[in-house]
Amino acid sequence: MGLNTLYTSKAEFALQRIKGQQNEQGKKAGRLLAAQLQQQEAALPIPAIHSETGEILTHPQDIVNQFASFL
């Protein structure tokens, strides 16, 4: 019985260790993916906005002017 208990405890420890490593790697991968997505979204231009009058502005200079008018 003592040998069976020893093997069981070693197996449980090994499983806990593997689960911990998977969680750590998952978190790191999740952080990396989130950072990459954030960089991609930040690089995307704003395609269109609504002006104060409700008009849709799509020309880049009009969009810049609209943002400048809020300051």
N, C-alpha and C. Protein backbone atom coordinates (compact mmCIF):
# COMPACT_ATOMS: atom_id res chain seq x y z
N MET A 1 0.81 -1.20 0.00
CA MET A 1 0.00 0.00 0.00
C MET A 1 0.85 1.26 0.00
N GLY A 2 1.93 1.26 0.66
CA GLY A 2 2.78 2.43 0.74
C GLY A 2 3.33 2.84 -0.62
N LEU A 3 3.68 1.87 -1.44
CA LEU A 3 4.21 2.14 -2.77
C LEU A 3 3.13 2.75 -3.67
N ASN A 4 1.92 2.23 -3.58
CA ASN A 4 0.80 2.75 -4.37
C ASN A 4 0.51 4.21 -3.99
N THR A 5 0.53 4.53 -2.72
CA THR A 5 0.30 5.89 -2.25
C THR A 5 1.39 6.83 -2.75
N LEU A 6 2.62 6.34 -2.72
CA LEU A 6 3.75 7.15 -3.19
C LEU A 6 3.61 7.47 -4.67
N TYR A 7 3.28 6.45 -5.47
CA TYR A 7 3.10 6.69 -6.91
C TYR A 7 1.93 7.62 -7.19
N THR A 8 0.86 7.47 -6.44
CA THR A 8 -0.31 8.33 -6.61
C THR A 8 0.04 9.78 -6.30
N SER A 9 0.76 10.01 -5.22
CA SER A 9 1.11 11.38 -4.85
C SER A 9 2.07 12.00 -5.88
N LYS A 10 2.99 11.20 -6.40
CA LYS A 10 3.91 11.72 -7.42
C LYS A 10 3.15 12.05 -8.70
N ALA A 11 2.18 11.21 -9.06
CA ALA A 11 1.38 11.46 -10.26
C ALA A 11 0.54 12.73 -10.09
N GLU A 12 -0.05 12.91 -8.91
CA GLU A 12 -0.84 14.11 -8.65
C GLU A 12 0.02 15.36 -8.73
N PHE A 13 1.21 15.28 -8.16
CA PHE A 13 2.13 16.42 -8.21
C PHE A 13 2.50 16.75 -9.65
N ALA A 14 2.78 15.72 -10.45
CA ALA A 14 3.15 15.94 -11.85
C ALA A 14 1.99 16.57 -12.63
N LEU A 15 0.77 16.13 -12.37
CA LEU A 15 -0.40 16.72 -13.05
C LEU A 15 -0.59 18.18 -12.66
N GLN A 16 -0.43 18.49 -11.38
CA GLN A 16 -0.57 19.88 -10.93
C GLN A 16 0.49 20.76 -11.57
N ARG A 17 1.68 20.22 -11.69
CA ARG A 17 2.78 20.98 -12.30
C ARG A 17 2.50 21.26 -13.77
N ILE A 18 1.99 20.26 -14.49
CA ILE A 18 1.67 20.44 -15.91
C ILE A 18 0.55 21.46 -16.08
N LYS A 19 -0.48 21.38 -15.24
CA LYS A 19 -1.59 22.34 -15.32
C LYS A 19 -1.09 23.75 -15.05
N GLY A 20 -0.20 23.89 -14.08
CA GLY A 20 0.36 25.21 -13.77
C GLY A 20 1.16 25.77 -14.93
N GLN A 21 1.93 24.92 -15.58
CA GLN A 21 2.72 25.38 -16.73
C GLN A 21 1.81 25.78 -17.88
N GLN A 22 0.74 25.03 -18.11
CA GLN A 22 -0.19 25.37 -19.17
C GLN A 22 -0.87 26.70 -18.90
N ASN A 23 -1.24 26.95 -17.66
CA ASN A 23 -1.87 28.22 -17.31
C ASN A 23 -0.92 29.38 -17.52
N GLU A 24 0.32 29.21 -17.12
CA GLU A 24 1.30 30.28 -17.29
C GLU A 24 1.52 30.58 -18.77
N GLN A 25 1.66 29.54 -19.56
CA GLN A 25 1.88 29.75 -20.99
C GLN A 25 0.65 30.34 -21.65
N GLY A 26 -0.52 29.92 -21.19
CA GLY A 26 -1.75 30.46 -21.74
C GLY A 26 -1.88 31.94 -21.46
N LYS A 27 -1.54 32.33 -20.27
CA LYS A 27 -1.63 33.74 -19.92
C LYS A 27 -0.64 34.57 -20.73
N LYS A 28 0.56 34.05 -20.89
CA LYS A 28 1.56 34.78 -21.67
C LYS A 28 1.12 34.90 -23.12
N ALA A 29 0.60 33.81 -23.66
CA ALA A 29 0.15 33.83 -25.05
C ALA A 29 -1.03 34.78 -25.20
N GLY A 30 -1.91 34.80 -24.22
CA GLY A 30 -3.06 35.71 -24.26
C GLY A 30 -2.63 37.16 -24.22
N ARG A 31 -1.65 37.45 -23.38
CA ARG A 31 -1.15 38.83 -23.30
C ARG A 31 -0.48 39.23 -24.60
N LEU A 32 0.27 38.30 -25.19
CA LEU A 32 0.95 38.59 -26.45
C LEU A 32 -0.07 38.84 -27.56
N LEU A 33 -1.08 38.01 -27.63
CA LEU A 33 -2.11 38.18 -28.65
C LEU A 33 -2.85 39.50 -28.46
N ALA A 34 -3.18 39.83 -27.24
CA ALA A 34 -3.88 41.09 -26.96
C ALA A 34 -3.02 42.29 -27.36
N ALA A 35 -1.73 42.22 -27.09
CA ALA A 35 -0.84 43.32 -27.46
C ALA A 35 -0.74 43.46 -28.97
N GLN A 36 -0.68 42.33 -29.68
CA GLN A 36 -0.61 42.38 -31.14
C GLN A 36 -1.89 42.94 -31.73
N LEU A 37 -3.03 42.55 -31.21
CA LEU A 37 -4.31 43.07 -31.70
C LEU A 37 -4.43 44.56 -31.43
N GLN A 38 -3.97 44.99 -30.27
CA GLN A 38 -4.04 46.41 -29.93
C GLN A 38 -3.16 47.22 -30.89
N GLN A 39 -2.00 46.72 -31.23
CA GLN A 39 -1.13 47.42 -32.18
C GLN A 39 -1.76 47.49 -33.55
N GLN A 40 -2.41 46.41 -33.98
CA GLN A 40 -3.06 46.40 -35.28
C GLN A 40 -4.21 47.40 -35.32
N GLU A 41 -5.01 47.44 -34.26
CA GLU A 41 -6.14 48.36 -34.21
C GLU A 41 -5.67 49.80 -34.18
N ALA A 42 -4.58 50.07 -33.49
CA ALA A 42 -4.07 51.43 -33.41
C ALA A 42 -3.54 51.90 -34.76
N ALA A 43 -3.07 50.98 -35.57
CA ALA A 43 -2.52 51.34 -36.87
C ALA A 43 -3.60 51.58 -37.92
N LEU A 44 -4.82 51.13 -37.65
CA LEU A 44 -5.89 51.29 -38.63
C LEU A 44 -6.37 52.75 -38.66
N PRO A 45 -6.56 53.30 -39.86
CA PRO A 45 -7.09 54.66 -39.94
C PRO A 45 -8.59 54.67 -39.63
N ILE A 46 -9.09 55.82 -39.27
CA ILE A 46 -10.52 55.98 -39.02
C ILE A 46 -11.19 56.18 -40.37
N PRO A 47 -12.07 55.27 -40.79
CA PRO A 47 -12.64 55.35 -42.14
C PRO A 47 -13.69 56.45 -42.30
N ALA A 48 -14.45 56.71 -41.23
CA ALA A 48 -15.51 57.72 -41.33
C ALA A 48 -15.98 58.11 -39.94
N ILE A 49 -16.49 59.34 -39.82
CA ILE A 49 -17.10 59.80 -38.57
C ILE A 49 -18.31 60.65 -38.91
N HIS A 50 -19.14 60.88 -37.92
CA HIS A 50 -20.29 61.76 -38.09
C HIS A 50 -19.91 63.16 -37.62
N SER A 51 -20.29 64.14 -38.39
CA SER A 51 -20.04 65.53 -37.98
C SER A 51 -21.12 65.94 -36.98
N GLU A 52 -21.01 67.15 -36.47
CA GLU A 52 -22.00 67.65 -35.52
C GLU A 52 -23.38 67.77 -36.15
N THR A 53 -23.42 67.96 -37.46
CA THR A 53 -24.69 68.09 -38.16
C THR A 53 -25.26 66.74 -38.57
N GLY A 54 -24.54 65.63 -38.32
CA GLY A 54 -25.00 64.30 -38.66
C GLY A 54 -24.48 63.80 -39.99
N GLU A 55 -23.72 64.64 -40.68
CA GLU A 55 -23.15 64.26 -41.97
C GLU A 55 -22.01 63.26 -41.76
N ILE A 56 -21.88 62.28 -42.64
CA ILE A 56 -20.80 61.30 -42.56
C ILE A 56 -19.60 61.84 -43.32
N LEU A 57 -18.48 61.97 -42.62
CA LEU A 57 -17.25 62.48 -43.23
C LEU A 57 -16.31 61.30 -43.50
N THR A 58 -15.85 61.19 -44.75
CA THR A 58 -14.95 60.09 -45.11
C THR A 58 -13.59 60.58 -45.60
N HIS A 59 -13.49 61.82 -45.99
CA HIS A 59 -12.22 62.36 -46.48
C HIS A 59 -11.29 62.57 -45.27
N PRO A 60 -10.05 62.11 -45.36
CA PRO A 60 -9.13 62.21 -44.21
C PRO A 60 -8.97 63.63 -43.66
N GLN A 61 -8.89 64.62 -44.53
CA GLN A 61 -8.71 66.00 -44.04
C GLN A 61 -9.97 66.49 -43.32
N ASP A 62 -11.14 66.10 -43.79
CA ASP A 62 -12.38 66.46 -43.11
C ASP A 62 -12.45 65.83 -41.72
N ILE A 63 -11.99 64.59 -41.63
CA ILE A 63 -11.97 63.91 -40.33
C ILE A 63 -11.02 64.62 -39.37
N VAL A 64 -9.85 64.99 -39.86
CA VAL A 64 -8.87 65.70 -39.02
C VAL A 64 -9.45 67.03 -38.56
N ASN A 65 -10.09 67.76 -39.46
CA ASN A 65 -10.69 69.05 -39.10
C ASN A 65 -11.80 68.87 -38.07
N GLN A 66 -12.59 67.81 -38.21
CA GLN A 66 -13.67 67.57 -37.25
C GLN A 66 -13.10 67.29 -35.86
N PHE A 67 -12.05 66.47 -35.79
CA PHE A 67 -11.42 66.20 -34.51
C PHE A 67 -10.81 67.48 -33.93
N ALA A 68 -10.22 68.31 -34.76
CA ALA A 68 -9.62 69.55 -34.30
C ALA A 68 -10.67 70.50 -33.75
N SER A 69 -11.88 70.44 -34.27
CA SER A 69 -12.92 71.35 -33.80
C SER A 69 -13.39 70.98 -32.38
N PHE A 70 -13.15 69.74 -31.95
CA PHE A 70 -13.53 69.35 -30.60
C PHE A 70 -12.58 69.87 -29.54
N LEU A 71 -11.38 70.22 -29.95
CA LEU A 71 -10.38 70.70 -28.98
C LEU A 71 -10.65 72.10 -28.68
